[in-house]
Amino acid sequence: MSQSTQAVTIQALIVPRPEHVQDVETEMRAMVQASRAEAGCQRYDLLRVDRPDGTVEFHVQERYDDMAAVQAHRDSAHYQAYRSRAGDWFAQPPAVTVLHDVDVAG
């Protein structure tokens, strides 16, 4: 099966600036709801880590039917709106990893 037609998992790490933690969480909660409603989105989960040093990290775990569904997500109005609002909210650029299945439990 080609990688363009097999399920795709995305992992993203988002580290907001301290003054924007609530902004990012609020926007990401809205992103969760909108993304879960997309055709081709199998999962869209938001997790939070509160580090001892006060740093907050958000981890996003996404799963799509294929790369076309990933692209549709990236092209969606809600994703584009989030990215335009959140541009200066991050302490570092979001780290996004695209993973292709090798041996995944179904």
PDB file of N, CA and C in Angstrom:
ATOM      1  N   MET A   1       0.851  -1.186   0.000  1.00  0.00           N
ATOM      2  CA  MET A   1       0.000   0.000   0.000  1.00  0.00           C
ATOM      3  C   MET A   1       0.891   1.242   0.000  1.00  0.00           C
ATOM      4  N   SER A   2       0.570   2.210  -0.822  1.00  0.00           N
ATOM      5  CA  SER A   2       1.401   3.417  -0.885  1.00  0.00           C
ATOM      6  C   SER A   2       1.144   4.294   0.339  1.00  0.00           C
ATOM      7  N   GLN A   3       2.148   5.079   0.709  1.00  0.00           N
ATOM      8  CA  GLN A   3       2.004   5.935   1.880  1.00  0.00           C
ATOM      9  C   GLN A   3       0.924   6.983   1.685  1.00  0.00           C
ATOM     10  N   SER A   4       0.615   7.340   0.446  1.00  0.00           N
ATOM     11  CA  SER A   4      -0.399   8.373   0.227  1.00  0.00           C
ATOM     12  C   SER A   4      -1.810   7.851   0.471  1.00  0.00           C
ATOM     13  N   THR A   5      -1.990   6.505   0.474  1.00  0.00           N
ATOM     14  CA  THR A   5      -3.328   5.945   0.654  1.00  0.00           C
ATOM     15  C   THR A   5      -3.478   5.170   1.951  1.00  0.00           C
ATOM     16  N   GLN A   6      -2.484   5.196   2.812  1.00  0.00           N
ATOM     17  CA  GLN A   6      -2.620   4.494   4.084  1.00  0.00           C
ATOM     18  C   GLN A   6      -2.808   5.504   5.214  1.00  0.00           C
ATOM     19  N   ALA A   7      -3.338   5.017   6.340  1.00  0.00           N
ATOM     20  CA  ALA A   7      -3.589   5.887   7.485  1.00  0.00           C
ATOM     21  C   ALA A   7      -2.299   6.584   7.924  1.00  0.00           C
ATOM     22  N   VAL A   8      -2.467   7.793   8.426  1.00  0.00           N
ATOM     23  CA  VAL A   8      -1.344   8.637   8.838  1.00  0.00           C
ATOM     24  C   VAL A   8      -1.599   9.126  10.258  1.00  0.00           C
ATOM     25  N   THR A   9      -0.559   9.076  11.075  1.00  0.00           N
ATOM     26  CA  THR A   9      -0.618   9.622  12.426  1.00  0.00           C
ATOM     27  C   THR A   9       0.264  10.866  12.471  1.00  0.00           C
ATOM     28  N   ILE A  10      -0.246  11.893  13.112  1.00  0.00           N
ATOM     29  CA  ILE A  10       0.504  13.139  13.299  1.00  0.00           C
ATOM     30  C   ILE A  10       0.677  13.333  14.801  1.00  0.00           C
ATOM     31  N   GLN A  11       1.881  13.673  15.209  1.00  0.00           N
ATOM     32  CA  GLN A  11       2.131  14.068  16.587  1.00  0.00           C
ATOM     33  C   GLN A  11       2.687  15.480  16.557  1.00  0.00           C
ATOM     34  N   ALA A  12       2.108  16.330  17.360  1.00  0.00           N
ATOM     35  CA  ALA A  12       2.574  17.714  17.409  1.00  0.00           C
ATOM     36  C   ALA A  12       2.841  18.111  18.855  1.00  0.00           C
ATOM     37  N   LEU A  13       3.913  18.826  19.051  1.00  0.00           N
ATOM     38  CA  LEU A  13       4.274  19.374  20.356  1.00  0.00           C
ATOM     39  C   LEU A  13       4.175  20.887  20.255  1.00  0.00           C
ATOM     40  N   ILE A  14       3.360  21.464  21.122  1.00  0.00           N
ATOM     41  CA  ILE A  14       3.147  22.913  21.134  1.00  0.00           C
ATOM     42  C   ILE A  14       3.549  23.432  22.510  1.00  0.00           C
ATOM     43  N   VAL A  15       4.476  24.370  22.533  1.00  0.00           N
ATOM     44  CA  VAL A  15       4.929  24.974  23.786  1.00  0.00           C
ATOM     45  C   VAL A  15       4.576  26.462  23.729  1.00  0.00           C
ATOM     46  N   PRO A  16       3.523  26.849  24.446  1.00  0.00           N
ATOM     47  CA  PRO A  16       3.133  28.259  24.420  1.00  0.00           C
ATOM     48  C   PRO A  16       4.010  29.120  25.342  1.00  0.00           C
ATOM     49  N   ARG A  17       4.063  30.381  25.015  1.00  0.00           N
ATOM     50  CA  ARG A  17       4.678  31.338  25.939  1.00  0.00           C
ATOM     51  C   ARG A  17       3.800  31.347  27.202  1.00  0.00           C
ATOM     52  N   PRO A  18       4.390  31.571  28.375  1.00  0.00           N
ATOM     53  CA  PRO A  18       3.606  31.507  29.620  1.00  0.00           C
ATOM     54  C   PRO A  18       2.348  32.376  29.606  1.00  0.00           C
ATOM     55  N   GLU A  19       2.447  33.538  29.003  1.00  0.00           N
ATOM     56  CA  GLU A  19       1.295  34.444  28.986  1.00  0.00           C
ATOM     57  C   GLU A  19       0.211  34.017  27.992  1.00  0.00           C
ATOM     58  N   HIS A  20       0.496  33.006  27.185  1.00  0.00           N
ATOM     59  CA  HIS A  20      -0.478  32.555  26.185  1.00  0.00           C
ATOM     60  C   HIS A  20      -0.955  31.114  26.393  1.00  0.00           C
ATOM     61  N   VAL A  21      -0.659  30.529  27.547  1.00  0.00           N
ATOM     62  CA  VAL A  21      -1.078  29.146  27.806  1.00  0.00           C
ATOM     63  C   VAL A  21      -2.589  29.014  27.664  1.00  0.00           C
ATOM     64  N   GLN A  22      -3.346  29.890  28.301  1.00  0.00           N
ATOM     65  CA  GLN A  22      -4.804  29.776  28.230  1.00  0.00           C
ATOM     66  C   GLN A  22      -5.326  30.047  26.821  1.00  0.00           C
ATOM     67  N   ASP A  23      -4.717  30.989  26.117  1.00  0.00           N
ATOM     68  CA  ASP A  23      -5.114  31.257  24.729  1.00  0.00           C
ATOM     69  C   ASP A  23      -4.952  30.000  23.875  1.00  0.00           C
ATOM     70  N   VAL A  24      -3.788  29.360  24.006  1.00  0.00           N
ATOM     71  CA  VAL A  24      -3.521  28.162  23.205  1.00  0.00           C
ATOM     72  C   VAL A  24      -4.482  27.052  23.585  1.00  0.00           C
ATOM     73  N   GLU A  25      -4.693  26.839  24.872  1.00  0.00           N
ATOM     74  CA  GLU A  25      -5.611  25.764  25.280  1.00  0.00           C
ATOM     75  C   GLU A  25      -7.029  26.025  24.773  1.00  0.00           C
ATOM     76  N   THR A  26      -7.494  27.241  24.884  1.00  0.00           N
ATOM     77  CA  THR A  26      -8.841  27.573  24.403  1.00  0.00           C
ATOM     78  C   THR A  26      -8.962  27.330  22.900  1.00  0.00           C
ATOM     79  N   GLU A  27      -7.994  27.811  22.150  1.00  0.00           N
ATOM     80  CA  GLU A  27      -8.017  27.623  20.692  1.00  0.00           C
ATOM     81  C   GLU A  27      -7.901  26.148  20.313  1.00  0.00           C
ATOM     82  N   MET A  28      -7.040  25.418  21.023  1.00  0.00           N
ATOM     83  CA  MET A  28      -6.859  24.006  20.706  1.00  0.00           C
ATOM     84  C   MET A  28      -8.101  23.190  21.049  1.00  0.00           C
ATOM     85  N   ARG A  29      -8.817  23.546  22.103  1.00  0.00           N
ATOM     86  CA  ARG A  29     -10.068  22.842  22.416  1.00  0.00           C
ATOM     87  C   ARG A  29     -11.079  23.034  21.283  1.00  0.00           C
ATOM     88  N   ALA A  30     -11.138  24.217  20.730  1.00  0.00           N
ATOM     89  CA  ALA A  30     -12.012  24.465  19.576  1.00  0.00           C
ATOM     90  C   ALA A  30     -11.515  23.688  18.357  1.00  0.00           C
ATOM     91  N   MET A  31     -10.203  23.624  18.181  1.00  0.00           N
ATOM     92  CA  MET A  31      -9.623  22.870  17.066  1.00  0.00           C
ATOM     93  C   MET A  31      -9.970  21.388  17.175  1.00  0.00           C
ATOM     94  N   VAL A  32      -9.943  20.851  18.389  1.00  0.00           N
ATOM     95  CA  VAL A  32     -10.296  19.445  18.600  1.00  0.00           C
ATOM     96  C   VAL A  32     -11.690  19.177  18.059  1.00  0.00           C
ATOM     97  N   GLN A  33     -12.650  19.984  18.456  1.00  0.00           N
ATOM     98  CA  GLN A  33     -14.040  19.749  18.051  1.00  0.00           C
ATOM     99  C   GLN A  33     -14.213  19.858  16.541  1.00  0.00           C
ATOM    100  N   ALA A  34     -13.643  20.886  15.951  1.00  0.00           N
ATOM    101  CA  ALA A  34     -13.778  21.079  14.504  1.00  0.00           C
ATOM    102  C   ALA A  34     -13.058  19.980  13.730  1.00  0.00           C
ATOM    103  N   SER A  35     -11.882  19.594  14.197  1.00  0.00           N
ATOM    104  CA  SER A  35     -11.097  18.583  13.485  1.00  0.00           C
ATOM    105  C   SER A  35     -11.741  17.212  13.565  1.00  0.00           C
ATOM    106  N   ARG A  36     -12.303  16.873  14.711  1.00  0.00           N
ATOM    107  CA  ARG A  36     -12.974  15.571  14.847  1.00  0.00           C
ATOM    108  C   ARG A  36     -14.157  15.436  13.896  1.00  0.00           C
ATOM    109  N   ALA A  37     -14.723  16.546  13.477  1.00  0.00           N
ATOM    110  CA  ALA A  37     -15.873  16.521  12.569  1.00  0.00           C
ATOM    111  C   ALA A  37     -15.454  16.406  11.097  1.00  0.00           C
ATOM    112  N   GLU A  38     -14.165  16.513  10.808  1.00  0.00           N
ATOM    113  CA  GLU A  38     -13.683  16.440   9.428  1.00  0.00           C
ATOM    114  C   GLU A  38     -13.824  15.024   8.871  1.00  0.00           C
ATOM    115  N   ALA A  39     -14.219  14.931   7.615  1.00  0.00           N
ATOM    116  CA  ALA A  39     -14.175  13.642   6.930  1.00  0.00           C
ATOM    117  C   ALA A  39     -12.713  13.227   6.861  1.00  0.00           C
ATOM    118  N   GLY A  40     -12.426  11.990   7.157  1.00  0.00           N
ATOM    119  CA  GLY A  40     -11.053  11.511   7.086  1.00  0.00           C
ATOM    120  C   GLY A  40     -10.277  11.609   8.379  1.00  0.00           C
ATOM    121  N   CYS A  41     -10.819  12.272   9.387  1.00  0.00           N
ATOM    122  CA  CYS A  41     -10.154  12.356  10.690  1.00  0.00           C
ATOM    123  C   CYS A  41     -10.661  11.220  11.564  1.00  0.00           C
ATOM    124  N   GLN A  42      -9.761  10.341  11.959  1.00  0.00           N
ATOM    125  CA  GLN A  42     -10.119   9.217  12.821  1.00  0.00           C
ATOM    126  C   GLN A  42      -9.991   9.569  14.298  1.00  0.00           C
ATOM    127  N   ARG A  43      -9.001  10.390  14.644  1.00  0.00           N
ATOM    128  CA  ARG A  43      -8.765  10.808  16.037  1.00  0.00           C
ATOM    129  C   ARG A  43      -8.128  12.191  16.031  1.00  0.00           C
ATOM    130  N   TYR A  44      -8.425  12.932  17.072  1.00  0.00           N
ATOM    131  CA  TYR A  44      -7.755  14.219  17.276  1.00  0.00           C
ATOM    132  C   TYR A  44      -7.795  14.460  18.772  1.00  0.00           C
ATOM    133  N   ASP A  45      -6.686  14.208  19.437  1.00  0.00           N
ATOM    134  CA  ASP A  45      -6.633  14.258  20.891  1.00  0.00           C
ATOM    135  C   ASP A  45      -5.659  15.331  21.359  1.00  0.00           C
ATOM    136  N   LEU A  46      -6.033  16.037  22.412  1.00  0.00           N
ATOM    137  CA  LEU A  46      -5.220  17.090  23.006  1.00  0.00           C
ATOM    138  C   LEU A  46      -4.826  16.656  24.411  1.00  0.00           C
ATOM    139  N   LEU A  47      -3.527  16.706  24.697  1.00  0.00           N
ATOM    140  CA  LEU A  47      -3.003  16.345  26.009  1.00  0.00           C
ATOM    141  C   LEU A  47      -2.131  17.490  26.517  1.00  0.00           C
ATOM    142  N   ARG A  48      -2.008  17.581  27.833  1.00  0.00           N
ATOM    143  CA  ARG A  48      -1.253  18.685  28.443  1.00  0.00           C
ATOM    144  C   ARG A  48      -0.245  18.135  29.442  1.00  0.00           C
ATOM    145  N   VAL A  49       0.938  18.735  29.450  1.00  0.00           N
ATOM    146  CA  VAL A  49       1.981  18.424  30.432  1.00  0.00           C
ATOM    147  C   VAL A  49       2.323  19.722  31.148  1.00  0.00           C
ATOM    148  N   ASP A  50       2.278  19.691  32.479  1.00  0.00           N
ATOM    149  CA  ASP A  50       2.719  20.818  33.302  1.00  0.00           C
ATOM    150  C   ASP A  50       4.066  20.434  33.897  1.00  0.00           C
ATOM    151  N   ARG A  51       5.133  21.027  33.389  1.00  0.00           N
ATOM    152  CA  ARG A  51       6.490  20.706  33.823  1.00  0.00           C
ATOM    153  C   ARG A  51       6.788  21.369  35.174  1.00  0.00           C
ATOM    154  N   PRO A  52       7.693  20.773  35.962  1.00  0.00           N
ATOM    155  CA  PRO A  52       8.059  21.363  37.267  1.00  0.00           C
ATOM    156  C   PRO A  52       8.584  22.791  37.167  1.00  0.00           C
ATOM    157  N   ASP A  53       9.187  23.147  36.023  1.00  0.00           N
ATOM    158  CA  ASP A  53       9.731  24.500  35.868  1.00  0.00           C
ATOM    159  C   ASP A  53       8.667  25.518  35.467  1.00  0.00           C
ATOM    160  N   GLY A  54       7.410  25.077  35.368  1.00  0.00           N
ATOM    161  CA  GLY A  54       6.316  25.982  35.010  1.00  0.00           C
ATOM    162  C   GLY A  54       5.981  25.979  33.530  1.00  0.00           C
ATOM    163  N   THR A  55       6.816  25.350  32.716  1.00  0.00           N
ATOM    164  CA  THR A  55       6.540  25.251  31.284  1.00  0.00           C
ATOM    165  C   THR A  55       5.336  24.347  31.058  1.00  0.00           C
ATOM    166  N   VAL A  56       4.481  24.747  30.150  1.00  0.00           N
ATOM    167  CA  VAL A  56       3.331  23.931  29.755  1.00  0.00           C
ATOM    168  C   VAL A  56       3.557  23.481  28.320  1.00  0.00           C
ATOM    169  N   GLU A  57       3.287  22.207  28.087  1.00  0.00           N
ATOM    170  CA  GLU A  57       3.355  21.647  26.742  1.00  0.00           C
ATOM    171  C   GLU A  57       1.994  21.065  26.399  1.00  0.00           C
ATOM    172  N   PHE A  58       1.598  21.258  25.160  1.00  0.00           N
ATOM    173  CA  PHE A  58       0.414  20.583  24.638  1.00  0.00           C
ATOM    174  C   PHE A  58       0.891  19.586  23.596  1.00  0.00           C
ATOM    175  N   HIS A  59       0.388  18.380  23.698  1.00  0.00           N
ATOM    176  CA  HIS A  59       0.689  17.337  22.727  1.00  0.00           C
ATOM    177  C   HIS A  59      -0.602  17.033  21.988  1.00  0.00           C
ATOM    178  N   VAL A  60      -0.529  17.024  20.684  1.00  0.00           N
ATOM    179  CA  VAL A  60      -1.690  16.721  19.848  1.00  0.00           C
ATOM    180  C   VAL A  60      -1.387  15.417  19.134  1.00  0.00           C
ATOM    181  N   GLN A  61      -2.309  14.476  19.234  1.00  0.00           N
ATOM    182  CA  GLN A  61      -2.180  13.206  18.540  1.00  0.00           C
ATOM    183  C   GLN A  61      -3.353  13.099  17.578  1.00  0.00           C
ATOM    184  N   GLU A  62      -3.023  13.013  16.295  1.00  0.00           N
ATOM    185  CA  GLU A  62      -4.041  13.019  15.238  1.00  0.00           C
ATOM    186  C   GLU A  62      -3.896  11.755  14.397  1.00  0.00           C
ATOM    187  N   ARG A  63      -4.998  11.288  13.857  1.00  0.00           N
ATOM    188  CA  ARG A  63      -4.951  10.141  12.941  1.00  0.00           C
ATOM    189  C   ARG A  63      -5.950  10.396  11.824  1.00  0.00           C
ATOM    190  N   TYR A  64      -5.466  10.207  10.602  1.00  0.00           N
ATOM    191  CA  TYR A  64      -6.266  10.473   9.413  1.00  0.00           C
ATOM    192  C   TYR A  64      -6.283   9.246   8.507  1.00  0.00           C
ATOM    193  N   ASP A  65      -7.281   9.184   7.637  1.00  0.00           N
ATOM    194  CA  ASP A  65      -7.407   8.075   6.699  1.00  0.00           C
ATOM    195  C   ASP A  65      -6.203   7.974   5.767  1.00  0.00           C
ATOM    196  N   ASP A  66      -5.666   9.136   5.354  1.00  0.00           N
ATOM    197  CA  ASP A  66      -4.566   9.161   4.388  1.00  0.00           C
ATOM    198  C   ASP A  66      -4.008  10.577   4.312  1.00  0.00           C
ATOM    199  N   MET A  67      -2.994  10.767   3.485  1.00  0.00           N
ATOM    200  CA  MET A  67      -2.374  12.088   3.362  1.00  0.00           C
ATOM    201  C   MET A  67      -3.325  13.124   2.773  1.00  0.00           C
ATOM    202  N   ALA A  68      -4.280  12.694   1.948  1.00  0.00           N
ATOM    203  CA  ALA A  68      -5.269  13.642   1.422  1.00  0.00           C
ATOM    204  C   ALA A  68      -6.105  14.223   2.554  1.00  0.00           C
ATOM    205  N   ALA A  69      -6.438  13.407   3.542  1.00  0.00           N
ATOM    206  CA  ALA A  69      -7.203  13.897   4.703  1.00  0.00           C
ATOM    207  C   ALA A  69      -6.351  14.840   5.549  1.00  0.00           C
ATOM    208  N   VAL A  70      -5.057  14.550   5.654  1.00  0.00           N
ATOM    209  CA  VAL A  70      -4.152  15.462   6.372  1.00  0.00           C
ATOM    210  C   VAL A  70      -4.132  16.817   5.664  1.00  0.00           C
ATOM    211  N   GLN A  71      -4.011  16.795   4.348  1.00  0.00           N
ATOM    212  CA  GLN A  71      -3.972  18.051   3.595  1.00  0.00           C
ATOM    213  C   GLN A  71      -5.292  18.801   3.712  1.00  0.00           C
ATOM    214  N   ALA A  72      -6.402  18.081   3.690  1.00  0.00           N
ATOM    215  CA  ALA A  72      -7.712  18.725   3.854  1.00  0.00           C
ATOM    216  C   ALA A  72      -7.788  19.407   5.221  1.00  0.00           C
ATOM    217  N   HIS A  73      -7.242  18.764   6.251  1.00  0.00           N
ATOM    218  CA  HIS A  73      -7.205  19.375   7.582  1.00  0.00           C
ATOM    219  C   HIS A  73      -6.375  20.658   7.552  1.00  0.00           C
ATOM    220  N   ARG A  74      -5.211  20.584   6.959  1.00  0.00           N
ATOM    221  CA  ARG A  74      -4.325  21.763   6.901  1.00  0.00           C
ATOM    222  C   ARG A  74      -4.938  22.894   6.081  1.00  0.00           C
ATOM    223  N   ASP A  75      -5.778  22.555   5.123  1.00  0.00           N
ATOM    224  CA  ASP A  75      -6.434  23.567   4.284  1.00  0.00           C
ATOM    225  C   ASP A  75      -7.729  24.094   4.884  1.00  0.00           C
ATOM    226  N   SER A  76      -8.213  23.475   5.956  1.00  0.00           N
ATOM    227  CA  SER A  76      -9.516  23.840   6.525  1.00  0.00           C
ATOM    228  C   SER A  76      -9.513  25.261   7.075  1.00  0.00           C
ATOM    229  N   ALA A  77     -10.674  25.860   7.079  1.00  0.00           N
ATOM    230  CA  ALA A  77     -10.815  27.225   7.588  1.00  0.00           C
ATOM    231  C   ALA A  77     -10.445  27.304   9.063  1.00  0.00           C
ATOM    232  N   HIS A  78     -10.843  26.316   9.861  1.00  0.00           N
ATOM    233  CA  HIS A  78     -10.539  26.383  11.301  1.00  0.00           C
ATOM    234  C   HIS A  78      -9.039  26.253  11.571  1.00  0.00           C
ATOM    235  N   TYR A  79      -8.340  25.430  10.805  1.00  0.00           N
ATOM    236  CA  TYR A  79      -6.894  25.301  10.980  1.00  0.00           C
ATOM    237  C   TYR A  79      -6.195  26.591  10.562  1.00  0.00           C
ATOM    238  N   GLN A  80      -6.574  27.124   9.432  1.00  0.00           N
ATOM    239  CA  GLN A  80      -5.960  28.367   8.941  1.00  0.00           C
ATOM    240  C   GLN A  80      -6.222  29.530   9.908  1.00  0.00           C
ATOM    241  N   ALA A  81      -7.433  29.599  10.457  1.00  0.00           N
ATOM    242  CA  ALA A  81      -7.758  30.669  11.410  1.00  0.00           C
ATOM    243  C   ALA A  81      -6.922  30.531  12.684  1.00  0.00           C
ATOM    244  N   TYR A  82      -6.802  29.307  13.188  1.00  0.00           N
ATOM    245  CA  TYR A  82      -5.983  29.075  14.377  1.00  0.00           C
ATOM    246  C   TYR A  82      -4.540  29.500  14.141  1.00  0.00           C
ATOM    247  N   ARG A  83      -3.974  29.057  13.029  1.00  0.00           N
ATOM    248  CA  ARG A  83      -2.578  29.388  12.739  1.00  0.00           C
ATOM    249  C   ARG A  83      -2.371  30.905  12.622  1.00  0.00           C
ATOM    250  N   SER A  84      -3.328  31.605  12.036  1.00  0.00           N
ATOM    251  CA  SER A  84      -3.165  33.055  11.892  1.00  0.00           C
ATOM    252  C   SER A  84      -3.285  33.771  13.243  1.00  0.00           C
ATOM    253  N   ARG A  85      -4.113  33.275  14.144  1.00  0.00           N
ATOM    254  CA  ARG A  85      -4.261  33.886  15.471  1.00  0.00           C
ATOM    255  C   ARG A  85      -3.093  33.558  16.384  1.00  0.00           C
ATOM    256  N   ALA A  86      -2.562  32.340  16.289  1.00  0.00           N
ATOM    257  CA  ALA A  86      -1.603  31.840  17.275  1.00  0.00           C
ATOM    258  C   ALA A  86      -0.149  32.119  16.924  1.00  0.00           C
ATOM    259  N   GLY A  87       0.107  32.833  15.870  1.00  0.00           N
ATOM    260  CA  GLY A  87       1.466  33.009  15.371  1.00  0.00           C
ATOM    261  C   GLY A  87       2.516  33.399  16.385  1.00  0.00           C
ATOM    262  N   ASP A  88       2.220  34.311  17.294  1.00  0.00           N
ATOM    263  CA  ASP A  88       3.231  34.760  18.258  1.00  0.00           C
ATOM    264  C   ASP A  88       2.996  34.198  19.663  1.00  0.00           C
ATOM    265  N   TRP A  89       2.143  33.210  19.787  1.00  0.00           N
ATOM    266  CA  TRP A  89       1.830  32.622  21.091  1.00  0.00           C
ATOM    267  C   TRP A  89       2.819  31.552  21.523  1.00  0.00           C
ATOM    268  N   PHE A  90       3.705  31.119  20.627  1.00  0.00           N
ATOM    269  CA  PHE A  90       4.547  29.964  20.896  1.00  0.00           C
ATOM    270  C   PHE A  90       5.932  30.358  21.409  1.00  0.00           C
ATOM    271  N   ALA A  91       6.426  29.589  22.373  1.00  0.00           N
ATOM    272  CA  ALA A  91       7.786  29.793  22.874  1.00  0.00           C
ATOM    273  C   ALA A  91       8.806  29.246  21.885  1.00  0.00           C
ATOM    274  N   GLN A  92       8.370  28.320  21.049  1.00  0.00           N
ATOM    275  CA  GLN A  92       9.206  27.729  20.001  1.00  0.00           C
ATOM    276  C   GLN A  92       8.267  27.269  18.899  1.00  0.00           C
ATOM    277  N   PRO A  93       8.762  27.105  17.697  1.00  0.00           N
ATOM    278  CA  PRO A  93       7.873  26.628  16.635  1.00  0.00           C
ATOM    279  C   PRO A  93       7.298  25.258  16.983  1.00  0.00           C
ATOM    280  N   PRO A  94       6.016  25.018  16.680  1.00  0.00           N
ATOM    281  CA  PRO A  94       5.454  23.691  16.928  1.00  0.00           C
ATOM    282  C   PRO A  94       6.276  22.623  16.206  1.00  0.00           C
ATOM    283  N   ALA A  95       6.506  21.517  16.903  1.00  0.00           N
ATOM    284  CA  ALA A  95       7.239  20.384  16.324  1.00  0.00           C
ATOM    285  C   ALA A  95       6.202  19.366  15.856  1.00  0.00           C
ATOM    286  N   VAL A  96       6.134  19.160  14.552  1.00  0.00           N
ATOM    287  CA  VAL A  96       5.136  18.274  13.965  1.00  0.00           C
ATOM    288  C   VAL A  96       5.845  17.095  13.309  1.00  0.00           C
ATOM    289  N   THR A  97       5.405  15.893  13.660  1.00  0.00           N
ATOM    290  CA  THR A  97       5.972  14.672  13.102  1.00  0.00           C
ATOM    291  C   THR A  97       4.871  13.903  12.395  1.00  0.00           C
ATOM    292  N   VAL A  98       5.112  13.550  11.140  1.00  0.00           N
ATOM    293  CA  VAL A  98       4.172  12.739  10.360  1.00  0.00           C
ATOM    294  C   VAL A  98       4.678  11.312  10.384  1.00  0.00           C
ATOM    295  N   LEU A  99       3.834  10.394  10.845  1.00  0.00           N
ATOM    296  CA  LEU A  99       4.209   8.988  11.006  1.00  0.00           C
ATOM    297  C   LEU A  99       3.365   8.111  10.098  1.00  0.00           C
ATOM    298  N   HIS A 100       4.018   7.147   9.474  1.00  0.00           N
ATOM    299  CA  HIS A 100       3.309   6.189   8.618  1.00  0.00           C
ATOM    300  C   HIS A 100       3.365   4.822   9.295  1.00  0.00           C
ATOM    301  N   ASP A 101       2.265   4.118   9.264  1.00  0.00           N
ATOM    302  CA  ASP A 101       2.158   2.817   9.927  1.00  0.00           C
ATOM    303  C   ASP A 101       3.187   1.826   9.394  1.00  0.00           C
ATOM    304  N   VAL A 102       3.750   1.071  10.302  1.00  0.00           N
ATOM    305  CA  VAL A 102       4.591  -0.070   9.949  1.00  0.00           C
ATOM    306  C   VAL A 102       3.908  -1.333  10.492  1.00  0.00           C
ATOM    307  N   ASP A 103       3.616  -1.342  11.798  1.00  0.00           N
ATOM    308  CA  ASP A 103       2.941  -2.472  12.434  1.00  0.00           C
ATOM    309  C   ASP A 103       2.141  -1.894  13.594  1.00  0.00           C
ATOM    310  N   VAL A 104       0.870  -1.589  13.354  1.00  0.00           N
ATOM    311  CA  VAL A 104       0.022  -0.897  14.316  1.00  0.00           C
ATOM    312  C   VAL A 104      -1.185  -1.771  14.640  1.00  0.00           C
ATOM    313  N   ALA A 105      -1.489  -1.914  15.924  1.00  0.00           N
ATOM    314  CA  ALA A 105      -2.663  -2.680  16.334  1.00  0.00           C
ATOM    315  C   ALA A 105      -3.920  -1.968  15.864  1.00  0.00           C
ATOM    316  N   GLY A 106      -4.854  -2.723  15.381  1.00  0.00           N
ATOM    317  CA  GLY A 106      -6.060  -2.133  14.812  1.00  0.00           C
ATOM    318  C   GLY A 106      -7.142  -2.015  15.788  1.00  0.00           C
TER     319      GLY A 106
END
